[in-house]
């Protein structure tokens, strides 16, 4: 199997030495750059198989390096390794194409696992960073429960049937009402829940089931 090449972009010499030591011990071929400019030069000369990128660099942000790697054909995955644990930097890194985001305080084992996952193109997140993805989903589930609590029993019944995939005609048949009556219920559901499509309505119902 061809030895994977890893580009480390890190201006902290002590931490870079730690990274290089672990990677070489595990058999990876490594290249080191301390600045955005040097990293881009390395990429242009010999694109790596993975970039391990710090965000704060002397001449700019590692996000520029991540974007350059992601623009290659084929794209090269990037693993962010940084001190920054705020959601803005995290989301900007993912938007630029990073497949992983770990913190410098994470353990050596976590680091090794993140490198292996990133080389496969899998997502590798520090537990502290994963919460930025999980928390919004939890909030959306809570919002769904709150919105559904304002429905009448019949409106909730209609919403549940639609959430299970029933058509308007099937709902009308099961409830013994006209199609027009079901359509009226649907309009009320859209108004009360602030949705504009059956897809959005279904999402709220399913979120409520799994809340």
Protein backbone atom coordinates (compact mmCIF):
# COMPACT_ATOMS: atom_id res chain seq x y z
CA UNK A 1 0.00 0.00 0.00
CA UNK A 2 1.30 3.49 -0.89
CA UNK A 3 2.48 5.46 2.12
CA UNK A 4 0.11 8.34 2.85
CA UNK A 5 1.57 11.84 2.82
CA UNK A 6 0.42 14.27 5.50
CA UNK A 7 0.97 18.01 5.49
CA UNK A 8 1.11 19.62 8.94
CA UNK A 9 0.46 23.36 9.03
CA UNK A 10 1.44 24.50 12.52
CA UNK A 11 3.48 27.49 13.72
CA UNK A 12 4.01 26.25 17.30
CA UNK A 13 7.34 24.45 16.94
CA UNK A 14 6.92 22.37 20.11
CA UNK A 15 3.47 21.17 19.14
CA UNK A 16 4.59 20.55 15.56
CA UNK A 17 7.41 18.37 16.88
CA UNK A 18 4.86 16.40 18.94
CA UNK A 19 2.64 15.90 15.89
CA UNK A 20 5.51 14.90 13.63
CA UNK A 21 6.78 12.42 16.19
CA UNK A 22 3.44 10.64 16.51
CA UNK A 23 2.82 10.56 12.78
CA UNK A 24 6.25 9.25 11.88
CA UNK A 25 5.98 6.67 14.65
CA UNK A 26 2.77 5.45 13.00
CA UNK A 27 4.48 5.22 9.63
CA UNK A 28 3.11 8.31 7.87
CA UNK A 29 5.22 10.42 5.52
CA UNK A 30 5.08 14.03 6.75
CA UNK A 31 5.73 17.56 5.54
CA UNK A 32 5.65 20.62 7.78
CA UNK A 33 4.78 24.24 7.06
CA UNK A 34 4.59 27.10 9.57
CA UNK A 35 2.66 29.63 7.48
CA UNK A 36 -0.21 29.82 5.00
CA UNK A 37 2.20 30.84 2.24
CA UNK A 38 4.55 27.91 2.88
CA UNK A 39 1.63 25.50 3.07
CA UNK A 40 0.23 26.65 -0.29
CA UNK A 41 3.68 26.24 -1.86
CA UNK A 42 3.88 22.65 -0.57
CA UNK A 43 0.40 21.92 -1.92
CA UNK A 44 1.26 23.29 -5.37
CA UNK A 45 4.44 21.23 -5.56
CA UNK A 46 3.17 17.94 -4.13
CA UNK A 47 -0.44 17.70 -2.91
CA UNK A 48 -0.67 15.59 0.27
CA UNK A 49 -3.23 12.92 1.10
CA UNK A 50 -4.30 14.79 4.24
CA UNK A 51 -3.76 18.22 5.72
CA UNK A 52 -3.60 18.73 9.49
CA UNK A 53 -4.25 22.43 9.81
CA UNK A 54 -4.03 24.93 12.66
CA UNK A 55 -6.37 27.91 12.32
CA UNK A 56 -4.29 30.76 13.73
CA UNK A 57 -1.11 31.21 11.65
CA UNK A 58 1.38 34.11 11.46
CA UNK A 59 0.31 35.27 7.99
CA UNK A 60 -3.39 34.41 8.00
CA UNK A 61 -5.90 31.69 8.77
CA UNK A 62 -5.59 27.99 8.13
CA UNK A 63 -9.03 28.20 6.53
CA UNK A 64 -7.29 29.34 3.33
CA UNK A 65 -5.23 26.16 3.29
CA UNK A 66 -8.33 24.04 3.91
CA UNK A 67 -10.10 25.70 0.98
CA UNK A 68 -7.11 25.11 -1.33
CA UNK A 69 -6.95 21.42 -0.43
CA UNK A 70 -10.69 21.07 -0.94
CA UNK A 71 -10.46 22.69 -4.39
CA UNK A 72 -7.97 20.11 -5.67
CA UNK A 73 -9.11 17.33 -8.00
CA UNK A 74 -9.56 14.97 -6.32
CA UNK A 75 -10.19 16.96 -3.15
CA UNK A 76 -7.81 16.41 -0.23
CA UNK A 77 -9.37 16.10 3.25
CA UNK A 78 -8.35 18.46 6.03
CA UNK A 79 -8.27 17.82 9.76
CA UNK A 80 -8.30 20.95 11.91
CA UNK A 81 -6.20 20.76 15.07
CA UNK A 82 -6.44 23.95 17.05
CA UNK A 83 -7.02 25.72 20.35
CA UNK A 84 -10.17 27.43 19.05
CA UNK A 85 -13.30 25.71 20.35
CA UNK A 86 -15.94 28.30 19.38
CA UNK A 87 -18.77 27.48 16.99
CA UNK A 88 -18.00 30.25 14.48
CA UNK A 89 -14.51 28.97 13.67
CA UNK A 90 -15.77 25.38 13.74
CA UNK A 91 -18.57 26.03 11.24
CA UNK A 92 -16.34 28.13 8.97
CA UNK A 93 -13.83 25.27 8.85
CA UNK A 94 -16.54 22.78 7.88
CA UNK A 95 -17.84 25.19 5.24
CA UNK A 96 -14.35 25.38 3.71
CA UNK A 97 -14.25 21.58 3.47
CA UNK A 98 -12.68 20.25 6.68
CA UNK A 99 -13.71 16.67 7.47
CA UNK A 100 -12.53 16.77 11.06
CA UNK A 101 -11.99 19.16 13.94
CA UNK A 102 -10.03 18.23 17.05
CA UNK A 103 -8.56 20.27 19.87
CA UNK A 104 -4.94 20.38 20.92
CA UNK A 105 -5.94 19.33 24.40
CA UNK A 106 -7.39 16.04 23.12
CA UNK A 107 -5.46 12.84 23.84
CA UNK A 108 -2.91 11.22 21.55
CA UNK A 109 -5.31 8.32 21.03
CA UNK A 110 -8.08 10.71 19.94
CA UNK A 111 -5.60 12.35 17.57
CA UNK A 112 -4.57 9.05 15.98
CA UNK A 113 -8.18 7.98 15.53
CA UNK A 114 -9.01 11.35 13.97
CA UNK A 115 -6.14 11.04 11.49
CA UNK A 116 -7.18 7.54 10.43
CA UNK A 117 -10.83 8.59 10.05
CA UNK A 118 -9.92 11.72 8.08
CA UNK A 119 -7.73 9.76 5.66
CA UNK A 120 -10.80 7.65 4.89
CA UNK A 121 -12.88 10.78 4.34
CA UNK A 122 -14.90 10.20 7.51
CA UNK A 123 -15.91 12.89 9.97
CA UNK A 124 -13.70 13.15 13.05
CA UNK A 125 -14.82 15.50 15.80
CA UNK A 126 -13.57 16.31 19.26
CA UNK A 127 -16.37 15.50 21.77
CA UNK A 128 -16.43 19.17 22.78
CA UNK A 129 -17.03 20.22 19.17
CA UNK A 130 -19.69 17.62 18.42
CA UNK A 131 -22.06 19.46 20.74
CA UNK A 132 -22.26 22.31 18.21
CA UNK A 133 -23.96 19.90 15.83
CA UNK A 134 -26.07 18.05 18.40
CA UNK A 135 -27.45 21.04 20.33
CA UNK A 136 -29.27 22.64 17.35
CA UNK A 137 -30.95 19.31 16.58
CA UNK A 138 -32.12 19.02 20.17
CA UNK A 139 -33.48 22.56 20.04
CA UNK A 140 -35.39 21.82 16.85
CA UNK A 141 -36.96 18.80 18.54
CA UNK A 142 -38.00 20.95 21.52
CA UNK A 143 -39.45 23.56 19.17
CA UNK A 144 -41.46 20.85 17.42
CA UNK A 145 -42.94 19.64 20.70
CA UNK A 146 -43.91 23.17 21.70
CA UNK A 147 -45.52 23.88 18.32
CA UNK A 148 -47.51 20.64 18.33
CA UNK A 149 -48.86 21.29 21.83
CA UNK A 150 -51.11 24.04 20.40
CA UNK A 151 -53.05 21.65 18.14
CA UNK A 152 -56.53 20.31 18.78
CA UNK A 153 -56.89 16.51 19.08
CA UNK A 154 -58.31 16.25 15.54
CA UNK A 155 -55.58 18.48 14.07
CA UNK A 156 -52.92 16.35 15.75
CA UNK A 157 -54.62 13.21 14.42
CA UNK A 158 -54.50 14.59 10.87
CA UNK A 159 -50.89 15.68 11.31
CA UNK A 160 -49.90 12.22 12.59
CA UNK A 161 -51.52 10.50 9.61
CA UNK A 162 -49.75 12.80 7.20
CA UNK A 163 -46.49 12.24 9.06
CA UNK A 164 -46.88 8.49 8.48
CA UNK A 165 -47.14 9.10 4.75
CA UNK A 166 -50.91 9.07 4.21
CA UNK A 167 -52.30 11.15 1.35
CA UNK A 168 -55.07 13.73 1.86
CA UNK A 169 -57.55 11.32 0.28
CA UNK A 170 -56.48 8.48 2.59
CA UNK A 171 -56.81 10.71 5.64
CA UNK A 172 -60.30 11.74 4.51
CA UNK A 173 -61.31 8.10 4.07
CA UNK A 174 -59.93 6.99 7.45
CA UNK A 175 -61.61 9.86 9.29
CA UNK A 176 -64.86 9.66 7.34
CA UNK A 177 -64.73 13.30 6.21
CA UNK A 178 -64.50 15.03 2.86
CA UNK A 179 -61.27 15.88 1.08
CA UNK A 180 -62.13 19.56 1.48
CA UNK A 181 -62.34 19.12 5.25
CA UNK A 182 -58.88 17.56 5.34
CA UNK A 183 -57.51 20.41 3.24
CA UNK A 184 -59.00 22.86 5.73
CA UNK A 185 -57.27 21.03 8.59
CA UNK A 186 -54.00 21.16 6.67
CA UNK A 187 -54.29 24.94 6.21
CA UNK A 188 -54.86 25.29 9.95
CA UNK A 189 -51.83 23.10 10.63
CA UNK A 190 -49.64 25.18 8.34
CA UNK A 191 -50.79 28.40 10.03
CA UNK A 192 -50.37 27.16 13.62
CA UNK A 193 -47.04 25.42 13.03
CA UNK A 194 -45.54 28.04 10.71
CA UNK A 195 -44.78 25.56 7.92
CA UNK A 196 -45.47 25.82 4.19
CA UNK A 197 -45.21 22.26 2.92
CA UNK A 198 -46.08 18.67 3.79
CA UNK A 199 -42.36 17.95 4.04
CA UNK A 200 -41.93 20.54 6.81
CA UNK A 201 -45.04 19.26 8.55
CA UNK A 202 -43.74 15.69 8.41
CA UNK A 203 -40.41 16.80 9.88
CA UNK A 204 -42.17 18.31 12.90
CA UNK A 205 -44.20 15.18 13.48
CA UNK A 206 -41.21 12.85 13.18
CA UNK A 207 -39.15 15.11 15.46
CA UNK A 208 -41.92 14.88 18.04
CA UNK A 209 -41.94 11.08 17.85
CA UNK A 210 -38.20 10.94 18.58
CA UNK A 211 -38.06 13.74 21.15
